[in-house]
């Protein structure tokens, strides 16, 4: 092998590594902008609201011209949709699709940054038409139309589905697609794999808890569980239902030998209000907890037990409460904002903030700023140890202060160490009741448990210490540090690649 050949291989390797860095990192959080309401602000005002709240990714369910125009020159990445009512026409005629692209999409692109087109929405659940039979032909025609205008690589085509496409989702490793949809799913999956499009799924752990509260733990669906659910086939441990549902889909895809398709969650969320049968589940506090935790889960690239560290894109449903939706009260109360653009509760889409405050009653949903969380005297040693290990690990609490020679190491016993760690987790997660549950091992108190130099922080108080305060920012700072490191690596690789190519060119001359 000549020196020139070696440098060429080296340069290609650097380029591949750059591509690998780009495709393997960076979970994104977007929001769904539904418009089934008669009291919403204008699209222009909605875009201003979205920009004010640092939202970079938006899904809409159609191709409304006023909405597409409003998103022009904003750099917000937009997912547009072909409604189920259009599927028949789109599947029957390429001309119909070409005309649609010419009149309804291309006039706004690239000023409006359209990145995805969803062809149909939860078509297998549509009771009015056999929508799913039209999906794949319509997807193919949309892709063909995009190829004609040179946009098939820039705008990805897919369709959204509900978890109802699975016949089994637990344990996750037994995840399997419903055989009654085989006529539709296999060609759809072949399309996605061939075109490197994501498998789009709408996931709602809320419904699992609402419909079976005696069998499903609220903490488990809210990402607040200190206990774990084990998959008996793999031994993998699940601390939340969202991860279990995502992995069930991955296993279902693997069972059909579609191992390369990525999953994108195009809807997930939690309602703030519901009918009488939903009151225990639908509340601003629960919505705040679920959505803030899912955002933090995504932006820190935690992945799932079966796919640890793998990034995923997730869209929160929904931007507004929608008063024209039918069904139970919850159907009209998934919004992050009221029609007057005030927040139902505060939500940080960067995942960096630790304080989220509900506006539903004018009170601080972070709980009493003068409350703390400590280990329960009734908890068993096993429960305390399990909760402590979880908080110091997946719970992202900085447990430095309870290490030897640190201010909270003494007294050196499990109850004392667990109390300090429980409180740190409790405060960094908005001091809500669920953040102090730890499977019954935690208990809230109103008396400050601080002693000597061991300071127990509060969400609203001033008592902080360097060794303690890092617990509030460790997860976010780690994520920022990792992303900065990746950018530095990419920059170095780009410089190395450029120098290598320049050297090769000079040698040839």
Protein backbone atom coordinates (compact mmCIF):
# COMPACT_ATOMS: atom_id res chain seq x y z
CA UNK A 1 0.00 0.00 0.00
CA UNK A 2 1.42 3.38 -1.05
CA UNK A 3 1.46 6.46 1.15
CA UNK A 4 -1.17 8.00 -1.11
CA UNK A 5 -3.45 4.98 -0.70
CA UNK A 6 -3.05 5.06 3.06
CA UNK A 7 -3.94 8.76 3.21
CA UNK A 8 -6.95 8.17 1.00
CA UNK A 9 -8.21 5.39 3.28
CA UNK A 10 -7.49 7.54 6.32
CA UNK A 11 -9.46 10.46 4.85
CA UNK A 12 -12.40 8.24 3.97
CA UNK A 13 -12.36 6.82 7.52
CA UNK A 14 -12.45 10.32 8.96
CA UNK A 15 -15.38 11.20 6.75
CA UNK A 16 -17.28 8.09 7.81
CA UNK A 17 -16.61 8.89 11.46
CA UNK A 18 -17.98 12.39 10.91
CA UNK A 19 -21.13 10.93 9.43
CA UNK A 20 -21.39 8.51 12.33
CA UNK A 21 -21.16 11.35 14.84
CA UNK A 22 -23.93 13.20 13.03
CA UNK A 23 -26.35 10.27 12.83
CA UNK A 24 -25.90 8.77 16.26
CA UNK A 25 -26.41 11.79 18.51
CA UNK A 26 -28.81 14.59 19.16
CA UNK A 27 -32.29 13.70 20.31
CA UNK A 28 -34.74 16.45 19.32
CA UNK A 29 -37.95 17.58 20.98
CA UNK A 30 -40.74 19.15 18.98
CA UNK A 31 -44.39 20.01 19.49
CA UNK A 32 -47.59 19.11 17.65
CA UNK A 33 -49.60 22.09 16.41
CA UNK A 34 -53.17 20.83 16.10
CA UNK A 35 -55.90 23.26 15.07
CA UNK A 36 -59.20 21.54 15.96
CA UNK A 37 -60.43 24.65 17.72
CA UNK A 38 -62.33 27.85 16.93
CA UNK A 39 -60.52 30.14 19.35
CA UNK A 40 -56.85 29.83 18.39
CA UNK A 41 -54.52 32.74 17.60
CA UNK A 42 -53.48 33.41 14.01
CA UNK A 43 -50.67 31.28 12.56
CA UNK A 44 -48.36 34.31 12.63
CA UNK A 45 -48.94 34.77 16.37
CA UNK A 46 -48.50 31.04 16.92
CA UNK A 47 -45.10 31.13 15.24
CA UNK A 48 -44.08 34.02 17.51
CA UNK A 49 -45.17 31.99 20.53
CA UNK A 50 -43.20 28.98 19.34
CA UNK A 51 -40.07 31.08 18.85
CA UNK A 52 -40.47 32.69 22.28
CA UNK A 53 -40.37 29.25 23.87
CA UNK A 54 -37.33 28.02 21.95
CA UNK A 55 -39.22 25.32 20.06
CA UNK A 56 -37.29 24.24 16.97
CA UNK A 57 -39.41 21.40 15.59
CA UNK A 58 -43.14 21.44 14.83
CA UNK A 59 -45.62 18.93 13.43
CA UNK A 60 -48.82 20.01 11.69
CA UNK A 61 -51.48 17.65 10.41
CA UNK A 62 -52.15 19.14 6.98
CA UNK A 63 -50.64 21.62 4.53
CA UNK A 64 -52.62 24.77 5.27
CA UNK A 65 -51.19 27.60 3.18
CA UNK A 66 -51.48 30.25 5.90
CA UNK A 67 -49.60 28.03 8.34
CA UNK A 68 -46.88 27.13 5.83
CA UNK A 69 -46.41 30.80 4.99
CA UNK A 70 -46.23 31.80 8.66
CA UNK A 71 -43.31 29.42 9.25
CA UNK A 72 -41.31 30.96 6.42
CA UNK A 73 -37.87 32.42 7.26
CA UNK A 74 -37.96 31.02 10.80
CA UNK A 75 -35.52 28.03 10.59
CA UNK A 76 -38.14 25.98 12.47
CA UNK A 77 -38.19 22.47 11.00
CA UNK A 78 -41.72 21.57 9.96
CA UNK A 79 -43.41 18.19 9.56
CA UNK A 80 -46.49 18.49 7.34
CA UNK A 81 -49.24 15.92 6.83
CA UNK A 82 -51.42 14.38 4.16
CA UNK A 83 -54.78 13.79 5.89
CA UNK A 84 -56.45 10.38 5.66
CA UNK A 85 -59.17 11.94 3.53
CA UNK A 86 -56.59 12.56 0.77
CA UNK A 87 -55.08 9.07 0.78
CA UNK A 88 -57.36 7.56 -1.85
CA UNK A 89 -56.69 10.31 -4.37
CA UNK A 90 -52.94 10.29 -3.62
CA UNK A 91 -52.71 6.52 -4.01
CA UNK A 92 -54.63 6.41 -7.30
CA UNK A 93 -52.83 9.06 -9.32
CA UNK A 94 -49.28 10.36 -9.57
CA UNK A 95 -50.71 13.44 -11.29
CA UNK A 96 -52.76 14.25 -8.19
CA UNK A 97 -49.63 14.16 -6.07
CA UNK A 98 -47.52 16.15 -8.54
CA UNK A 99 -50.23 18.82 -8.68
CA UNK A 100 -50.42 18.92 -4.89
CA UNK A 101 -46.66 19.35 -4.56
CA UNK A 102 -46.66 22.09 -7.21
CA UNK A 103 -49.53 24.06 -5.69
CA UNK A 104 -49.40 23.33 -1.96
CA UNK A 105 -45.78 22.56 -1.01
CA UNK A 106 -43.19 23.90 -3.45
CA UNK A 107 -44.37 27.53 -3.32
CA UNK A 108 -43.30 27.62 0.35
CA UNK A 109 -40.11 25.57 0.16
CA UNK A 110 -37.31 26.16 1.11
CA UNK A 111 -38.37 29.44 2.75
CA UNK A 112 -40.42 27.20 5.03
CA UNK A 113 -38.13 24.45 6.20
CA UNK A 114 -40.22 21.34 5.50
CA UNK A 115 -38.31 18.21 6.55
CA UNK A 116 -40.98 15.48 6.77
CA UNK A 117 -44.24 14.59 5.07
CA UNK A 118 -46.51 12.19 6.94
CA UNK A 119 -48.81 10.36 4.54
CA UNK A 120 -51.84 9.48 6.65
CA UNK A 121 -52.21 9.53 10.43
CA UNK A 122 -52.97 6.42 12.51
CA UNK A 123 -54.65 4.97 9.43
CA UNK A 124 -55.17 1.55 11.02
CA UNK A 125 -57.45 3.21 13.58
CA UNK A 126 -59.56 5.13 11.06
CA UNK A 127 -63.14 3.76 11.35
CA UNK A 128 -64.52 5.56 8.30
CA UNK A 129 -62.37 4.34 5.42
CA UNK A 130 -59.95 1.53 4.77
CA UNK A 131 -57.22 4.14 4.93
CA UNK A 132 -54.29 1.82 5.56
CA UNK A 133 -54.72 0.11 2.19
CA UNK A 134 -53.99 3.45 0.49
CA UNK A 135 -50.99 4.47 2.58
CA UNK A 136 -48.07 2.73 0.88
CA UNK A 137 -49.12 3.57 -2.71
CA UNK A 138 -49.66 7.18 -1.62
CA UNK A 139 -46.26 7.26 0.12
CA UNK A 140 -44.62 5.93 -3.03
CA UNK A 141 -46.30 8.55 -5.20
CA UNK A 142 -45.26 11.35 -2.82
CA UNK A 143 -41.67 10.10 -2.89
CA UNK A 144 -41.75 9.89 -6.69
CA UNK A 145 -43.05 13.44 -6.85
CA UNK A 146 -40.25 14.65 -4.57
CA UNK A 147 -37.66 12.86 -6.71
CA UNK A 148 -38.91 14.67 -9.79
CA UNK A 149 -38.11 18.01 -8.15
CA UNK A 150 -34.89 16.84 -6.50
CA UNK A 151 -36.14 16.89 -2.90
CA UNK A 152 -36.35 13.18 -2.02
CA UNK A 153 -33.18 13.39 0.08
CA UNK A 154 -34.16 16.56 1.90
CA UNK A 155 -37.78 15.74 2.73
CA UNK A 156 -38.41 12.32 4.25
CA UNK A 157 -41.69 10.48 3.69
CA UNK A 158 -43.36 8.28 6.29
CA UNK A 159 -46.71 7.71 8.03
CA UNK A 160 -47.76 7.80 11.68
CA UNK A 161 -49.23 4.84 13.54
CA UNK A 162 -50.62 4.10 16.99
CA UNK A 163 -49.41 1.41 19.38
CA UNK A 164 -52.46 -0.56 18.27
CA UNK A 165 -50.35 -1.98 15.44
CA UNK A 166 -48.78 -4.25 18.07
CA UNK A 167 -50.58 -7.38 19.15
CA UNK A 168 -48.25 -7.66 22.13
CA UNK A 169 -46.10 -5.07 23.88
CA UNK A 170 -45.13 -6.77 27.16
CA UNK A 171 -42.63 -7.95 27.95
CA UNK A 172 -40.86 -5.66 25.45
CA UNK A 173 -38.77 -8.51 24.04
CA UNK A 174 -42.01 -10.24 23.00
CA UNK A 175 -43.18 -7.20 21.04
CA UNK A 176 -44.99 -8.30 17.90
CA UNK A 177 -47.03 -6.65 15.16
CA UNK A 178 -50.69 -7.47 14.77
CA UNK A 179 -50.90 -10.07 11.98
CA UNK A 180 -54.14 -8.54 10.71
CA UNK A 181 -52.09 -5.58 9.46
CA UNK A 182 -49.49 -7.70 7.67
CA UNK A 183 -50.82 -6.72 4.22
CA UNK A 184 -49.97 -3.11 5.03
CA UNK A 185 -47.05 -3.26 7.44
CA UNK A 186 -44.52 -5.28 5.49
CA UNK A 187 -44.58 -3.14 2.33
CA UNK A 188 -44.57 -0.03 4.52
CA UNK A 189 -41.52 -1.25 6.43
CA UNK A 190 -39.77 -2.14 3.19
CA UNK A 191 -40.42 1.41 2.00
CA UNK A 192 -39.04 2.91 5.23
CA UNK A 193 -35.92 0.73 5.19
CA UNK A 194 -35.18 1.40 1.53
CA UNK A 195 -35.54 5.15 1.89
CA UNK A 196 -34.05 5.50 5.38
CA UNK A 197 -37.26 7.00 6.70
CA UNK A 198 -38.24 6.70 10.37
CA UNK A 199 -40.97 4.49 11.81
CA UNK A 200 -43.34 7.12 13.23
CA UNK A 201 -45.38 6.15 16.27
CA UNK A 202 -47.80 7.95 18.59
CA UNK A 203 -47.20 6.73 22.17
CA UNK A 204 -49.40 7.50 25.17
CA UNK A 205 -48.49 5.81 28.47
CA UNK A 206 -51.28 7.97 29.91
CA UNK A 207 -53.95 5.68 28.48
CA UNK A 208 -52.37 2.58 30.01
CA UNK A 209 -52.59 4.16 33.46
CA UNK A 210 -56.04 5.69 32.95
CA UNK A 211 -57.56 2.39 31.82
CA UNK A 212 -55.83 0.21 34.41
CA UNK A 213 -54.77 2.26 37.45
CA UNK A 214 -54.78 -0.79 39.73
CA UNK A 215 -52.26 -2.61 37.57
CA UNK A 216 -50.09 0.24 36.32
CA UNK A 217 -48.13 2.51 38.65
CA UNK A 218 -48.53 6.26 38.11
CA UNK A 219 -44.86 6.77 38.96
CA UNK A 220 -43.92 4.22 36.29
CA UNK A 221 -45.69 6.12 33.53
CA UNK A 222 -44.46 9.52 34.77
CA UNK A 223 -40.75 8.55 34.73
CA UNK A 224 -40.73 8.83 38.52
CA UNK A 225 -40.50 5.19 39.56
CA UNK A 226 -37.78 4.08 41.96
CA UNK A 227 -38.60 0.43 41.28
CA UNK A 228 -38.02 -1.53 38.11
CA UNK A 229 -39.96 -3.83 35.84
CA UNK A 230 -37.87 -6.70 34.53
CA UNK A 231 -38.16 -8.28 31.11
CA UNK A 232 -37.89 -11.99 31.98
CA UNK A 233 -36.55 -12.88 28.54
CA UNK A 234 -33.67 -10.41 28.43
CA UNK A 235 -33.14 -9.42 32.06
CA UNK A 236 -33.38 -5.75 31.04
CA UNK A 237 -34.81 -3.43 33.68
CA UNK A 238 -37.41 -0.79 32.85
CA UNK A 239 -38.07 2.26 35.03
CA UNK A 240 -40.75 3.79 32.81
CA UNK A 241 -43.44 2.63 30.41
CA UNK A 242 -42.31 4.86 27.55
CA UNK A 243 -39.02 2.99 27.19
CA UNK A 244 -40.82 -0.34 27.43
CA UNK A 245 -43.20 0.62 24.62
CA UNK A 246 -40.39 1.88 22.39
CA UNK A 247 -38.37 -1.29 22.92
CA UNK A 248 -41.44 -3.42 22.18
CA UNK A 249 -41.51 -1.72 18.78
CA UNK A 250 -37.80 -2.31 18.23
CA UNK A 251 -38.22 -6.00 19.03
CA UNK A 252 -41.24 -6.22 16.73
CA UNK A 253 -39.19 -4.67 13.92
CA UNK A 254 -36.30 -7.03 14.63
CA UNK A 255 -38.62 -10.03 14.51
CA UNK A 256 -39.45 -9.08 10.91
CA UNK A 257 -35.74 -8.49 10.19
CA UNK A 258 -36.02 -4.69 9.94
CA UNK A 259 -33.11 -3.83 12.21
CA UNK A 260 -32.00 -0.53 10.70
CA UNK A 261 -35.24 1.46 10.88
CA UNK A 262 -35.17 4.26 13.45
CA UNK A 263 -38.18 5.05 15.62
CA UNK A 264 -39.56 8.58 15.88
CA UNK A 265 -42.27 9.39 18.41
CA UNK A 266 -44.57 11.80 16.60
CA UNK A 267 -47.00 12.24 19.51
CA UNK A 268 -46.77 11.81 23.24
CA UNK A 269 -48.07 13.87 26.13
CA UNK A 270 -50.45 14.11 29.04
CA UNK A 271 -53.81 15.89 29.52
CA UNK A 272 -54.34 18.50 32.21
CA UNK A 273 -58.05 17.90 32.65
CA UNK A 274 -60.42 14.99 32.15
CA UNK A 275 -63.86 13.51 32.70
CA UNK A 276 -64.78 12.10 36.13
CA UNK A 277 -63.23 8.71 35.29
CA UNK A 278 -59.98 10.48 34.35
CA UNK A 279 -59.63 12.89 37.28
CA UNK A 280 -57.06 10.75 39.09
CA UNK A 281 -54.79 10.80 36.05
CA UNK A 282 -55.46 14.00 34.09
CA UNK A 283 -54.02 16.98 35.96
CA UNK A 284 -51.60 19.87 35.37
CA UNK A 285 -49.09 18.39 37.83
CA UNK A 286 -49.02 15.02 36.10
CA UNK A 287 -48.82 16.64 32.66
CA UNK A 288 -45.98 18.85 33.84
CA UNK A 289 -44.12 15.91 35.33
CA UNK A 290 -44.51 13.64 32.32
CA UNK A 291 -43.62 16.19 29.68
CA UNK A 292 -40.65 17.66 31.53
CA UNK A 293 -39.28 14.17 32.17
CA UNK A 294 -39.73 13.03 28.58
CA UNK A 295 -37.92 16.14 27.37
CA UNK A 296 -35.04 15.56 29.77
CA UNK A 297 -34.97 11.89 28.74
CA UNK A 298 -34.65 12.81 25.06
CA UNK A 299 -32.18 15.69 25.15
CA UNK A 300 -29.71 13.75 27.30
CA UNK A 301 -29.73 10.86 24.80
CA UNK A 302 -30.45 8.28 27.46
CA UNK A 303 -31.92 5.84 24.96
CA UNK A 304 -33.78 2.75 26.16
CA UNK A 305 -32.61 -0.42 27.94
CA UNK A 306 -32.43 -2.23 24.59
CA UNK A 307 -30.89 0.78 22.80
CA UNK A 308 -28.87 2.63 25.47
CA UNK A 309 -27.51 6.00 24.43
CA UNK A 310 -29.40 6.03 21.14
CA UNK A 311 -30.91 9.38 20.25
CA UNK A 312 -34.59 9.73 19.44
CA UNK A 313 -36.83 12.51 18.18
CA UNK A 314 -40.05 13.11 20.10
CA UNK A 315 -42.98 15.48 19.54
CA UNK A 316 -45.07 16.66 22.49
CA UNK A 317 -48.84 16.74 21.98
CA UNK A 318 -50.11 19.40 21.85
CA UNK A 319 -49.45 23.11 21.51
CA UNK A 320 -53.01 24.21 22.39
CA UNK A 321 -56.13 22.90 24.03
CA UNK A 322 -58.52 22.10 21.15
CA UNK A 323 -62.17 22.77 21.97
CA UNK A 324 -63.66 21.19 18.84
CA UNK A 325 -62.40 17.69 19.54
CA UNK A 326 -64.99 15.10 20.49
CA UNK A 327 -64.89 12.41 23.17
CA UNK A 328 -63.96 12.60 26.84
CA UNK A 329 -62.92 15.93 28.36
CA UNK A 330 -59.26 14.97 28.17
CA UNK A 331 -59.41 15.06 24.35
CA UNK A 332 -59.79 18.84 24.56
CA UNK A 333 -57.14 19.43 27.22
CA UNK A 334 -53.71 18.26 26.05
CA UNK A 335 -52.40 21.76 25.39
CA UNK A 336 -49.29 23.44 26.69
CA UNK A 337 -50.96 26.81 26.09
CA UNK A 338 -54.40 28.30 26.36
CA UNK A 339 -55.82 30.04 23.27
CA UNK A 340 -54.83 33.41 24.81
CA UNK A 341 -51.20 32.14 24.58
CA UNK A 342 -50.68 31.94 28.35
CA UNK A 343 -49.01 28.77 29.59
CA UNK A 344 -51.02 25.98 31.15
CA UNK A 345 -47.70 25.23 32.86
CA UNK A 346 -44.13 26.22 32.13
CA UNK A 347 -42.07 23.79 30.07
CA UNK A 348 -38.45 24.20 29.01
CA UNK A 349 -37.88 22.53 25.65
CA UNK A 350 -34.10 22.59 26.10
CA UNK A 351 -34.36 20.23 29.07
CA UNK A 352 -32.03 22.45 31.10
CA UNK A 353 -34.48 23.96 33.56
CA UNK A 354 -35.31 22.27 36.83
CA UNK A 355 -38.31 24.42 37.75
CA UNK A 356 -41.72 24.01 36.15
CA UNK A 357 -44.67 25.89 37.51
CA UNK A 358 -48.32 25.23 36.78
CA UNK A 359 -50.53 28.23 36.20
CA UNK A 360 -53.72 26.27 36.67
CA UNK A 361 -54.50 27.57 40.12
CA UNK A 362 -51.97 30.34 40.60
CA UNK A 363 -49.92 28.20 42.96
CA UNK A 364 -46.43 26.86 42.62
CA UNK A 365 -46.64 23.24 41.49
CA UNK A 366 -43.11 22.68 42.66
CA UNK A 367 -44.59 22.19 46.10
CA UNK A 368 -43.80 23.95 49.34
CA UNK A 369 -40.38 25.59 49.15
CA UNK A 370 -39.99 24.79 52.87
CA UNK A 371 -40.47 21.04 52.50
CA UNK A 372 -37.82 18.36 52.30
CA UNK A 373 -37.77 14.66 51.48
CA UNK A 374 -36.04 12.13 53.73
CA UNK A 375 -35.90 8.36 54.13
CA UNK A 376 -38.91 6.82 55.84
CA UNK A 377 -38.22 5.13 59.16
CA UNK A 378 -40.61 2.38 58.05
CA UNK A 379 -38.70 1.54 54.85
CA UNK A 380 -36.74 -1.70 54.71
CA UNK A 381 -32.98 -1.69 54.21
CA UNK A 382 -33.46 -3.36 50.84
CA UNK A 383 -35.88 -0.67 49.63
CA UNK A 384 -33.63 2.14 50.86
CA UNK A 385 -30.57 0.68 49.18
CA UNK A 386 -32.41 0.11 45.92
CA UNK A 387 -33.80 3.63 45.88
CA UNK A 388 -30.41 5.12 46.82
CA UNK A 389 -28.62 3.22 44.04
CA UNK A 390 -31.24 4.31 41.55
CA UNK A 391 -31.10 7.99 42.56
CA UNK A 392 -27.30 8.07 42.35
CA UNK A 393 -27.42 6.32 38.96
CA UNK A 394 -30.31 6.78 36.51
CA UNK A 395 -31.86 9.42 38.79
CA UNK A 396 -28.92 11.75 37.97
CA UNK A 397 -28.34 12.89 41.56
CA UNK A 398 -24.80 14.01 42.41
CA UNK A 399 -23.99 11.82 45.41
CA UNK A 400 -20.53 13.26 46.07
CA UNK A 401 -21.62 14.77 49.39
CA UNK A 402 -22.21 11.34 51.02
CA UNK A 403 -18.77 9.97 50.12
CA UNK A 404 -15.99 9.59 52.74
CA UNK A 405 -14.52 12.92 53.97
CA UNK A 406 -17.44 14.81 52.40
CA UNK A 407 -19.86 16.95 54.51
CA UNK A 408 -22.76 14.45 54.54
CA UNK A 409 -20.84 11.18 54.96
CA UNK A 410 -21.34 11.14 58.75
CA UNK A 411 -23.34 9.59 60.25
CA UNK A 412 -22.26 6.71 58.04
CA UNK A 413 -25.54 4.83 57.79
CA UNK A 414 -28.05 4.01 55.08
CA UNK A 415 -30.90 6.15 56.43
CA UNK A 416 -28.76 9.27 56.64
CA UNK A 417 -27.23 8.83 53.18
CA UNK A 418 -30.58 7.99 51.61
CA UNK A 419 -32.22 11.03 53.22
CA UNK A 420 -29.72 13.43 51.71
CA UNK A 421 -29.94 11.85 48.26
CA UNK A 422 -33.74 11.58 48.35
CA UNK A 423 -34.00 15.29 49.11
CA UNK A 424 -31.60 16.21 46.31
CA UNK A 425 -33.71 14.25 43.82
CA UNK A 426 -36.91 15.67 45.29
CA UNK A 427 -35.76 19.28 44.92
CA UNK A 428 -34.28 18.93 41.44
CA UNK A 429 -37.58 17.42 40.28
CA UNK A 430 -39.82 20.30 41.34
CA UNK A 431 -40.49 19.05 44.89
CA UNK A 432 -43.66 17.24 43.85
CA UNK A 433 -45.19 14.44 45.88
CA UNK A 434 -44.27 11.82 43.27
CA UNK A 435 -40.62 12.93 43.42
CA UNK A 436 -40.53 11.89 47.08
CA UNK A 437 -42.24 8.53 46.71
CA UNK A 438 -39.29 6.19 46.07
CA UNK A 439 -41.70 3.29 46.19
CA UNK A 440 -42.80 4.31 49.67
CA UNK A 441 -39.24 4.69 50.98
CA UNK A 442 -39.40 8.50 51.03
CA UNK A 443 -41.43 10.86 53.20
CA UNK A 444 -41.91 14.65 53.11
CA UNK A 445 -41.12 16.74 56.19
CA UNK A 446 -41.43 20.44 57.01
CA UNK A 447 -38.45 20.62 59.36
CA UNK A 448 -35.06 21.32 57.83
CA UNK A 449 -32.93 18.15 58.23
CA UNK A 450 -29.64 20.00 57.61
CA UNK A 451 -26.89 19.51 60.19
CA UNK A 452 -23.35 20.81 60.68
CA UNK A 453 -21.96 21.40 57.18
CA UNK A 454 -24.42 19.04 55.49
CA UNK A 455 -26.94 21.39 53.91
CA UNK A 456 -30.20 20.04 52.51
CA UNK A 457 -31.20 22.23 49.58
CA UNK A 458 -34.73 23.47 48.88
CA UNK A 459 -36.29 24.32 45.53
CA UNK A 460 -37.13 27.86 46.61
CA UNK A 461 -34.71 28.47 49.47
CA UNK A 462 -31.20 29.92 49.61
CA UNK A 463 -29.52 27.06 51.42
CA UNK A 464 -27.03 25.74 48.92
CA UNK A 465 -23.58 24.31 49.03
CA UNK A 466 -21.26 23.60 46.16
CA UNK A 467 -21.26 19.89 46.80
CA UNK A 468 -25.05 19.83 46.97
CA UNK A 469 -26.03 22.25 44.22
CA UNK A 470 -24.35 20.25 41.48
CA UNK A 471 -27.18 17.73 41.80
CA UNK A 472 -29.51 20.28 40.23
CA UNK A 473 -27.42 20.77 37.10
CA UNK A 474 -25.42 17.56 36.67
CA UNK A 475 -27.70 16.04 34.05
CA UNK A 476 -28.04 19.18 31.94
CA UNK A 477 -24.36 20.13 32.22
CA UNK A 478 -23.29 16.59 31.33
CA UNK A 479 -25.49 16.73 28.25
CA UNK A 480 -24.08 20.13 27.24
CA UNK A 481 -20.55 18.90 27.90
CA UNK A 482 -21.05 15.80 25.80
CA UNK A 483 -22.47 17.83 22.92
CA UNK A 484 -19.61 20.33 23.12
CA UNK A 485 -17.11 17.47 23.11
CA UNK A 486 -18.75 15.97 20.05
CA UNK A 487 -18.54 19.32 18.23
CA UNK A 488 -14.85 19.65 19.13
CA UNK A 489 -14.17 16.13 17.85
CA UNK A 490 -16.06 16.87 14.65
CA UNK A 491 -14.11 20.10 14.14
CA UNK A 492 -10.79 18.30 14.63
CA UNK A 493 -11.81 15.57 12.21
CA UNK A 494 -12.85 18.13 9.61
CA UNK A 495 -9.51 19.95 9.94
CA UNK A 496 -7.60 16.66 9.69
CA UNK A 497 -9.60 15.64 6.64
CA UNK A 498 -9.00 18.99 4.96
CA UNK A 499 -5.24 18.86 5.63
CA UNK A 500 -5.01 15.28 4.35
CA UNK A 501 -6.78 16.15 1.12
CA UNK A 502 -4.60 19.25 0.62
CA UNK A 503 -1.45 17.17 1.12
CA UNK A 504 -2.64 14.58 -1.38
CA UNK A 505 -3.45 17.26 -3.94
CA UNK A 506 -0.05 18.93 -3.55
CA UNK A 507 1.71 15.58 -3.99
CA UNK A 508 -0.23 14.88 -7.18
CA UNK A 509 0.77 18.28 -8.56
